[in-house]
Amino acid sequence: MTRTEPAVTLPPIPAKRYFTIGEVSELCGVKPHVLRYWEQEFTQLKPVKRRGNRRYYQHHEVLLIRRIRSLLYEQGFTISGARNRLGDARDAVHDQDAAVRFSGAEMQALRTELCGVSAVLAEALATVKPHADDRASEADAISAGDAN
């Protein structure tokens, strides 16, 4: 039986573009050396490295680290199991994309209906426009007569 830690309430993630390894450590409740180790184990985790090889994590990576932390520390997964679970989640996203594409027939039906509505509106505009132009000419003539 694997031992799991109780869920820990983590602080909210501030609205910033980049986070240092120290900030991520505090936000995720994981020590910096663990974060560096996870970079080697989880290919999805790729912080930007700048000046002097310093790591800068983006918001989506902080969320990923929290997910990894939950899988390992709270749900009791091994590194390999967590890696597989994250891969399964990626596959689920691809399945959802396929489901959206599957509804393409419905989208085509809507497009056809919208084209029909557009044609009806264009025909109505063609009928009304000459009368509107006549009214505009009358209004211009009246305005010109008032100006004199």
N, C-alpha and C. Protein backbone atom coordinates (compact mmCIF):
# COMPACT_ATOMS: atom_id res chain seq x y z
N MET A 1 0.85 -1.18 0.00
CA MET A 1 0.00 0.00 0.00
C MET A 1 0.89 1.23 0.00
N THR A 2 0.59 2.16 -0.88
CA THR A 2 1.40 3.37 -0.95
C THR A 2 0.88 4.41 0.03
N ARG A 3 1.83 5.15 0.59
CA ARG A 3 1.48 6.20 1.53
C ARG A 3 1.28 7.48 0.75
N THR A 4 0.17 8.16 0.99
CA THR A 4 -0.07 9.44 0.33
C THR A 4 -0.20 10.52 1.38
N GLU A 5 0.25 11.71 1.03
CA GLU A 5 0.14 12.84 1.92
C GLU A 5 -1.23 13.48 1.73
N PRO A 6 -1.77 14.11 2.79
CA PRO A 6 -3.05 14.80 2.62
C PRO A 6 -2.89 15.99 1.68
N ALA A 7 -3.99 16.37 1.06
CA ALA A 7 -3.96 17.51 0.13
C ALA A 7 -3.56 18.77 0.89
N VAL A 8 -2.68 19.54 0.28
CA VAL A 8 -2.19 20.77 0.87
C VAL A 8 -2.80 21.94 0.10
N THR A 9 -3.22 22.97 0.82
CA THR A 9 -3.74 24.15 0.16
C THR A 9 -2.57 25.00 -0.30
N LEU A 10 -2.46 25.17 -1.59
CA LEU A 10 -1.36 25.93 -2.18
C LEU A 10 -1.80 27.37 -2.41
N PRO A 11 -0.86 28.31 -2.36
CA PRO A 11 -1.22 29.72 -2.57
C PRO A 11 -1.66 29.97 -4.02
N PRO A 12 -2.45 31.02 -4.24
CA PRO A 12 -2.86 31.33 -5.61
C PRO A 12 -1.65 31.73 -6.45
N ILE A 13 -1.75 31.46 -7.73
CA ILE A 13 -0.65 31.79 -8.65
C ILE A 13 -0.85 33.23 -9.12
N PRO A 14 0.14 34.10 -8.86
CA PRO A 14 0.00 35.49 -9.30
C PRO A 14 -0.02 35.62 -10.82
N ALA A 15 -0.58 36.71 -11.29
CA ALA A 15 -0.64 36.97 -12.73
C ALA A 15 0.68 37.55 -13.19
N LYS A 16 1.63 36.69 -13.45
CA LYS A 16 2.95 37.08 -13.94
C LYS A 16 3.27 36.25 -15.15
N ARG A 17 4.20 36.74 -15.96
CA ARG A 17 4.60 35.99 -17.15
C ARG A 17 5.60 34.89 -16.79
N TYR A 18 6.58 35.21 -15.95
CA TYR A 18 7.62 34.25 -15.60
C TYR A 18 7.80 34.17 -14.08
N PHE A 19 8.19 32.98 -13.63
CA PHE A 19 8.44 32.73 -12.21
C PHE A 19 9.82 32.11 -12.06
N THR A 20 10.55 32.52 -11.03
CA THR A 20 11.86 31.91 -10.75
C THR A 20 11.63 30.56 -10.09
N ILE A 21 12.68 29.77 -10.01
CA ILE A 21 12.57 28.45 -9.39
C ILE A 21 12.18 28.57 -7.91
N GLY A 22 12.66 29.63 -7.25
CA GLY A 22 12.30 29.86 -5.85
C GLY A 22 10.82 30.16 -5.69
N GLU A 23 10.28 30.98 -6.59
CA GLU A 23 8.86 31.31 -6.54
C GLU A 23 8.01 30.08 -6.81
N VAL A 24 8.40 29.30 -7.80
CA VAL A 24 7.66 28.08 -8.14
C VAL A 24 7.71 27.10 -6.98
N SER A 25 8.86 27.02 -6.33
CA SER A 25 9.03 26.15 -5.17
C SER A 25 8.00 26.50 -4.10
N GLU A 26 7.84 27.80 -3.83
CA GLU A 26 6.87 28.23 -2.82
C GLU A 26 5.43 28.02 -3.29
N LEU A 27 5.16 28.32 -4.56
CA LEU A 27 3.80 28.20 -5.10
C LEU A 27 3.32 26.75 -5.15
N CYS A 28 4.27 25.82 -5.31
CA CYS A 28 3.90 24.41 -5.50
C CYS A 28 4.23 23.53 -4.30
N GLY A 29 4.90 24.08 -3.31
CA GLY A 29 5.24 23.28 -2.13
C GLY A 29 6.24 22.18 -2.43
N VAL A 30 7.19 22.47 -3.31
CA VAL A 30 8.20 21.50 -3.72
C VAL A 30 9.56 22.19 -3.69
N LYS A 31 10.58 21.51 -3.20
CA LYS A 31 11.91 22.11 -3.11
C LYS A 31 12.53 22.27 -4.50
N PRO A 32 13.41 23.27 -4.67
CA PRO A 32 14.02 23.52 -5.98
C PRO A 32 14.75 22.32 -6.57
N HIS A 33 15.44 21.53 -5.74
CA HIS A 33 16.16 20.39 -6.31
C HIS A 33 15.19 19.34 -6.87
N VAL A 34 14.00 19.28 -6.28
CA VAL A 34 12.98 18.36 -6.79
C VAL A 34 12.47 18.85 -8.16
N LEU A 35 12.30 20.16 -8.27
CA LEU A 35 11.87 20.72 -9.56
C LEU A 35 12.88 20.42 -10.66
N ARG A 36 14.17 20.57 -10.32
CA ARG A 36 15.21 20.28 -11.31
C ARG A 36 15.19 18.79 -11.70
N TYR A 37 14.93 17.93 -10.73
CA TYR A 37 14.85 16.49 -11.01
C TYR A 37 13.64 16.20 -11.91
N TRP A 38 12.51 16.82 -11.61
CA TRP A 38 11.31 16.59 -12.41
C TRP A 38 11.50 17.04 -13.86
N GLU A 39 12.32 18.07 -14.08
CA GLU A 39 12.60 18.50 -15.46
C GLU A 39 13.21 17.36 -16.27
N GLN A 40 14.01 16.54 -15.61
CA GLN A 40 14.64 15.41 -16.29
C GLN A 40 13.65 14.27 -16.52
N GLU A 41 12.70 14.12 -15.63
CA GLU A 41 11.76 13.00 -15.69
C GLU A 41 10.51 13.26 -16.53
N PHE A 42 10.09 14.52 -16.60
CA PHE A 42 8.86 14.87 -17.32
C PHE A 42 9.22 15.79 -18.48
N THR A 43 9.11 15.26 -19.69
CA THR A 43 9.54 16.01 -20.87
C THR A 43 8.67 17.25 -21.13
N GLN A 44 7.46 17.26 -20.58
CA GLN A 44 6.58 18.41 -20.78
C GLN A 44 7.07 19.64 -20.02
N LEU A 45 7.91 19.43 -19.04
CA LEU A 45 8.38 20.50 -18.17
C LEU A 45 9.68 21.07 -18.72
N LYS A 46 9.58 22.23 -19.36
CA LYS A 46 10.76 22.84 -20.00
C LYS A 46 10.80 24.33 -19.69
N PRO A 47 11.34 24.72 -18.54
CA PRO A 47 11.42 26.15 -18.25
C PRO A 47 12.41 26.84 -19.18
N VAL A 48 12.17 28.12 -19.39
CA VAL A 48 13.08 28.94 -20.20
C VAL A 48 14.33 29.16 -19.37
N LYS A 49 15.49 29.02 -20.01
CA LYS A 49 16.74 29.27 -19.29
C LYS A 49 17.38 30.52 -19.86
N ARG A 50 17.72 31.45 -18.96
CA ARG A 50 18.34 32.71 -19.36
C ARG A 50 19.57 32.97 -18.51
N ARG A 51 20.07 34.18 -18.57
CA ARG A 51 21.25 34.64 -17.83
C ARG A 51 21.79 33.63 -16.83
N GLY A 52 22.96 33.15 -17.09
CA GLY A 52 23.61 32.24 -16.16
C GLY A 52 22.86 30.94 -15.93
N ASN A 53 22.10 30.50 -16.93
CA ASN A 53 21.36 29.24 -16.84
C ASN A 53 20.24 29.27 -15.79
N ARG A 54 19.74 30.47 -15.48
CA ARG A 54 18.63 30.60 -14.52
C ARG A 54 17.34 30.13 -15.17
N ARG A 55 16.53 29.43 -14.39
CA ARG A 55 15.27 28.89 -14.91
C ARG A 55 14.15 29.89 -14.67
N TYR A 56 13.30 30.03 -15.69
CA TYR A 56 12.09 30.85 -15.57
C TYR A 56 10.92 30.02 -16.07
N TYR A 57 9.95 29.81 -15.17
CA TYR A 57 8.79 28.99 -15.48
C TYR A 57 7.62 29.88 -15.88
N GLN A 58 6.81 29.39 -16.81
CA GLN A 58 5.61 30.11 -17.22
C GLN A 58 4.41 29.55 -16.46
N HIS A 59 3.29 30.26 -16.54
CA HIS A 59 2.10 29.90 -15.78
C HIS A 59 1.67 28.45 -16.03
N HIS A 60 1.66 28.02 -17.29
CA HIS A 60 1.21 26.66 -17.60
C HIS A 60 2.15 25.62 -16.98
N GLU A 61 3.42 25.96 -16.83
CA GLU A 61 4.36 25.02 -16.21
C GLU A 61 4.14 24.93 -14.71
N VAL A 62 3.75 26.04 -14.09
CA VAL A 62 3.42 26.01 -12.66
C VAL A 62 2.21 25.10 -12.44
N LEU A 63 1.22 25.22 -13.32
CA LEU A 63 0.05 24.33 -13.22
C LEU A 63 0.44 22.87 -13.41
N LEU A 64 1.33 22.62 -14.36
CA LEU A 64 1.80 21.26 -14.61
C LEU A 64 2.53 20.71 -13.39
N ILE A 65 3.37 21.53 -12.77
CA ILE A 65 4.10 21.10 -11.57
C ILE A 65 3.12 20.77 -10.45
N ARG A 66 2.09 21.58 -10.30
CA ARG A 66 1.07 21.27 -9.28
C ARG A 66 0.38 19.95 -9.59
N ARG A 67 0.14 19.70 -10.85
CA ARG A 67 -0.49 18.42 -11.25
C ARG A 67 0.44 17.25 -10.94
N ILE A 68 1.72 17.41 -11.27
CA ILE A 68 2.70 16.35 -10.98
C ILE A 68 2.78 16.12 -9.48
N ARG A 69 2.82 17.20 -8.72
CA ARG A 69 2.89 17.11 -7.26
C ARG A 69 1.69 16.33 -6.72
N SER A 70 0.51 16.65 -7.24
CA SER A 70 -0.70 15.96 -6.80
C SER A 70 -0.63 14.46 -7.12
N LEU A 71 -0.20 14.15 -8.34
CA LEU A 71 -0.10 12.74 -8.73
C LEU A 71 0.87 11.97 -7.83
N LEU A 72 2.02 12.58 -7.55
CA LEU A 72 3.06 11.89 -6.78
C LEU A 72 2.77 11.88 -5.29
N TYR A 73 2.47 13.03 -4.73
CA TYR A 73 2.38 13.16 -3.28
C TYR A 73 1.00 12.88 -2.71
N GLU A 74 -0.04 13.21 -3.45
CA GLU A 74 -1.39 13.05 -2.92
C GLU A 74 -2.07 11.77 -3.41
N GLN A 75 -1.83 11.41 -4.68
CA GLN A 75 -2.50 10.24 -5.24
C GLN A 75 -1.63 8.99 -5.20
N GLY A 76 -0.36 9.15 -4.83
CA GLY A 76 0.51 8.01 -4.64
C GLY A 76 1.09 7.37 -5.89
N PHE A 77 1.10 8.08 -7.01
CA PHE A 77 1.68 7.53 -8.23
C PHE A 77 3.20 7.50 -8.13
N THR A 78 3.80 6.59 -8.86
CA THR A 78 5.26 6.60 -9.03
C THR A 78 5.58 7.62 -10.12
N ILE A 79 6.86 7.92 -10.30
CA ILE A 79 7.26 8.83 -11.38
C ILE A 79 6.76 8.29 -12.72
N SER A 80 6.98 7.00 -12.95
CA SER A 80 6.56 6.38 -14.20
C SER A 80 5.03 6.44 -14.36
N GLY A 81 4.32 6.15 -13.27
CA GLY A 81 2.86 6.20 -13.31
C GLY A 81 2.34 7.60 -13.58
N ALA A 82 2.98 8.60 -12.95
CA ALA A 82 2.57 9.99 -13.17
C ALA A 82 2.85 10.39 -14.62
N ARG A 83 3.99 9.95 -15.14
CA ARG A 83 4.34 10.25 -16.53
C ARG A 83 3.27 9.66 -17.46
N ASN A 84 2.87 8.42 -17.20
CA ASN A 84 1.84 7.77 -18.01
C ASN A 84 0.50 8.50 -17.89
N ARG A 85 0.15 8.89 -16.68
CA ARG A 85 -1.12 9.58 -16.45
C ARG A 85 -1.15 10.91 -17.21
N LEU A 86 -0.04 11.64 -17.18
CA LEU A 86 0.03 12.90 -17.92
C LEU A 86 -0.08 12.64 -19.42
N GLY A 87 0.51 11.55 -19.90
CA GLY A 87 0.39 11.17 -21.31
C GLY A 87 -1.04 10.82 -21.66
N ASP A 88 -1.75 10.13 -20.74
CA ASP A 88 -3.15 9.78 -20.95
C ASP A 88 -4.00 11.05 -21.04
N ALA A 89 -3.67 12.04 -20.21
CA ALA A 89 -4.41 13.30 -20.24
C ALA A 89 -4.23 13.99 -21.59
N ARG A 90 -3.01 13.93 -22.14
CA ARG A 90 -2.75 14.51 -23.44
C ARG A 90 -3.56 13.77 -24.50
N ASP A 91 -3.65 12.43 -24.38
CA ASP A 91 -4.44 11.65 -25.33
C ASP A 91 -5.92 12.02 -25.24
N ALA A 92 -6.40 12.28 -24.02
CA ALA A 92 -7.80 12.67 -23.83
C ALA A 92 -8.09 13.98 -24.54
N VAL A 93 -7.15 14.91 -24.51
CA VAL A 93 -7.32 16.18 -25.22
C VAL A 93 -7.42 15.92 -26.72
N HIS A 94 -6.58 15.03 -27.24
CA HIS A 94 -6.65 14.70 -28.67
C HIS A 94 -8.00 14.06 -29.01
N ASP A 95 -8.54 13.21 -28.11
CA ASP A 95 -9.84 12.60 -28.33
C ASP A 95 -10.94 13.67 -28.38
N GLN A 96 -10.84 14.68 -27.50
CA GLN A 96 -11.82 15.76 -27.50
C GLN A 96 -11.73 16.54 -28.80
N ASP A 97 -10.52 16.77 -29.29
CA ASP A 97 -10.35 17.45 -30.57
C ASP A 97 -11.02 16.66 -31.69
N ALA A 98 -10.87 15.35 -31.66
CA ALA A 98 -11.49 14.50 -32.67
C ALA A 98 -13.01 14.60 -32.59
N ALA A 99 -13.55 14.67 -31.38
CA ALA A 99 -14.99 14.79 -31.21
C ALA A 99 -15.49 16.11 -31.79
N VAL A 100 -14.73 17.16 -31.61
CA VAL A 100 -15.11 18.46 -32.17
C VAL A 100 -15.10 18.39 -33.69
N ARG A 101 -14.08 17.76 -34.25
CA ARG A 101 -14.02 17.61 -35.70
C ARG A 101 -15.17 16.75 -36.22
N PHE A 102 -15.59 15.76 -35.42
CA PHE A 102 -16.68 14.88 -35.81
C PHE A 102 -17.96 15.68 -36.03
N SER A 103 -18.15 16.75 -35.28
CA SER A 103 -19.36 17.55 -35.43
C SER A 103 -19.26 18.49 -36.62
N GLY A 104 -18.30 18.26 -37.49
CA GLY A 104 -18.14 19.07 -38.69
C GLY A 104 -19.36 19.03 -39.59
N ALA A 105 -20.06 17.90 -39.62
CA ALA A 105 -21.28 17.79 -40.44
C ALA A 105 -22.33 18.78 -39.94
N GLU A 106 -22.43 18.90 -38.63
CA GLU A 106 -23.37 19.87 -38.06
C GLU A 106 -22.95 21.29 -38.43
N MET A 107 -21.65 21.54 -38.39
CA MET A 107 -21.15 22.87 -38.75
C MET A 107 -21.47 23.18 -40.21
N GLN A 108 -21.34 22.20 -41.08
CA GLN A 108 -21.64 22.40 -42.50
C GLN A 108 -23.12 22.71 -42.69
N ALA A 109 -23.98 22.03 -41.93
CA ALA A 109 -25.41 22.29 -42.02
C ALA A 109 -25.72 23.72 -41.58
N LEU A 110 -25.06 24.18 -40.52
CA LEU A 110 -25.25 25.56 -40.06
C LEU A 110 -24.76 26.56 -41.10
N ARG A 111 -23.62 26.27 -41.72
CA ARG A 111 -23.10 27.16 -42.76
C ARG A 111 -24.09 27.28 -43.92
N THR A 112 -24.65 26.15 -44.32
CA THR A 112 -25.62 26.14 -45.42
C THR A 112 -26.84 26.99 -45.05
N GLU A 113 -27.31 26.81 -43.82
CA GLU A 113 -28.47 27.59 -43.36
C GLU A 113 -28.13 29.08 -43.32
N LEU A 114 -26.94 29.42 -42.83
CA LEU A 114 -26.53 30.83 -42.77
C LEU A 114 -26.40 31.43 -44.16
N CYS A 115 -25.91 30.66 -45.11
CA CYS A 115 -25.82 31.15 -46.49
C CYS A 115 -27.22 31.46 -47.04
N GLY A 116 -28.18 30.60 -46.70
CA GLY A 116 -29.56 30.83 -47.13
C GLY A 116 -30.13 32.10 -46.51
N VAL A 117 -29.89 32.30 -45.23
CA VAL A 117 -30.35 33.50 -44.54
C VAL A 117 -29.69 34.74 -45.16
N SER A 118 -28.40 34.63 -45.43
CA SER A 118 -27.67 35.74 -46.03
C SER A 118 -28.25 36.09 -47.40
N ALA A 119 -28.61 35.10 -48.18
CA ALA A 119 -29.20 35.34 -49.51
C ALA A 119 -30.55 36.04 -49.37
N VAL A 120 -31.36 35.62 -48.41
CA VAL A 120 -32.67 36.25 -48.19
C VAL A 120 -32.48 37.72 -47.78
N LEU A 121 -31.50 37.97 -46.90
CA LEU A 121 -31.23 39.34 -46.46
C LEU A 121 -30.73 40.20 -47.61
N ALA A 122 -29.86 39.64 -48.46
CA ALA A 122 -29.35 40.39 -49.61
C ALA A 122 -30.48 40.75 -50.56
N GLU A 123 -31.41 39.82 -50.76
CA GLU A 123 -32.56 40.07 -51.63
C GLU A 123 -33.45 41.16 -51.04
N ALA A 124 -33.68 41.10 -49.73
CA ALA A 124 -34.49 42.12 -49.06
C ALA A 124 -33.82 43.48 -49.16
N LEU A 125 -32.52 43.53 -48.99
CA LEU A 125 -31.78 44.79 -49.09
C LEU A 125 -31.88 45.35 -50.50
N ALA A 126 -31.78 44.48 -51.50
CA ALA A 126 -31.87 44.93 -52.89
C ALA A 126 -33.25 45.52 -53.17
N THR A 127 -34.28 45.00 -52.52
CA THR A 127 -35.63 45.50 -52.71
C THR A 127 -35.82 46.84 -51.99
N VAL A 128 -35.28 46.98 -50.82
CA VAL A 128 -35.48 48.16 -49.98
C VAL A 128 -34.55 49.31 -50.38
N LYS A 129 -33.36 49.01 -50.84
CA LYS A 129 -32.34 50.03 -51.09
C LYS A 129 -32.79 51.12 -52.07
N PRO A 130 -33.41 50.78 -53.21
CA PRO A 130 -33.84 51.87 -54.11
C PRO A 130 -34.80 52.85 -53.43
N HIS A 131 -35.70 52.32 -52.60
CA HIS A 131 -36.65 53.18 -51.89
C HIS A 131 -35.91 54.04 -50.86
N ALA A 132 -34.92 53.46 -50.22
CA ALA A 132 -34.13 54.21 -49.23
C ALA A 132 -33.33 55.30 -49.92
N ASP A 133 -32.81 55.00 -51.11
CA ASP A 133 -32.06 56.01 -51.86
C ASP A 133 -32.97 57.17 -52.26
N ASP A 134 -34.23 56.82 -52.67
CA ASP A 134 -35.19 57.86 -53.03
C ASP A 134 -35.48 58.76 -51.83
N ARG A 135 -35.69 58.16 -50.69
CA ARG A 135 -35.98 58.92 -49.47
C ARG A 135 -34.80 59.80 -49.09
N ALA A 136 -33.59 59.28 -49.26
CA ALA A 136 -32.40 60.07 -48.94
C ALA A 136 -32.30 61.27 -49.88
N SER A 137 -32.62 61.07 -51.16
CA SER A 137 -32.58 62.17 -52.12
C SER A 137 -33.61 63.23 -51.76
N GLU A 138 -34.81 62.79 -51.36
CA GLU A 138 -35.86 63.73 -50.94
C GLU A 138 -35.41 64.52 -49.72
N ALA A 139 -34.80 63.83 -48.77
CA ALA A 139 -34.32 64.50 -47.55
C ALA A 139 -33.23 65.50 -47.89
N ASP A 140 -32.35 65.15 -48.81
CA ASP A 140 -31.29 66.07 -49.22
C ASP A 140 -31.89 67.31 -49.89
N ALA A 141 -32.91 67.09 -50.72
CA ALA A 141 -33.54 68.21 -51.42
C ALA A 141 -34.23 69.13 -50.42
N ILE A 142 -34.90 68.57 -49.46
CA ILE A 142 -35.58 69.36 -48.43
C ILE A 142 -34.56 70.15 -47.63
N SER A 143 -33.47 69.50 -47.26
CA SER A 143 -32.42 70.16 -46.50
C SER A 143 -31.80 71.29 -47.30
N ALA A 144 -31.60 71.07 -48.59
CA ALA A 144 -31.01 72.09 -49.44
C ALA A 144 -31.96 73.27 -49.58
N GLY A 145 -33.27 73.00 -49.65
CA GLY A 145 -34.27 74.06 -49.75
C GLY A 145 -34.33 74.88 -48.48
N ASP A 146 -34.16 74.26 -47.31
CA ASP A 146 -34.17 74.97 -46.04
C ASP A 146 -32.94 75.84 -45.88
N ALA A 147 -31.85 75.43 -46.49
CA ALA A 147 -30.60 76.16 -46.34
C ALA A 147 -30.63 77.46 -47.13
N ASN A 148 -31.48 77.53 -48.18
CA ASN A 148 -31.53 78.73 -49.03
C ASN A 148 -32.48 79.70 -48.48
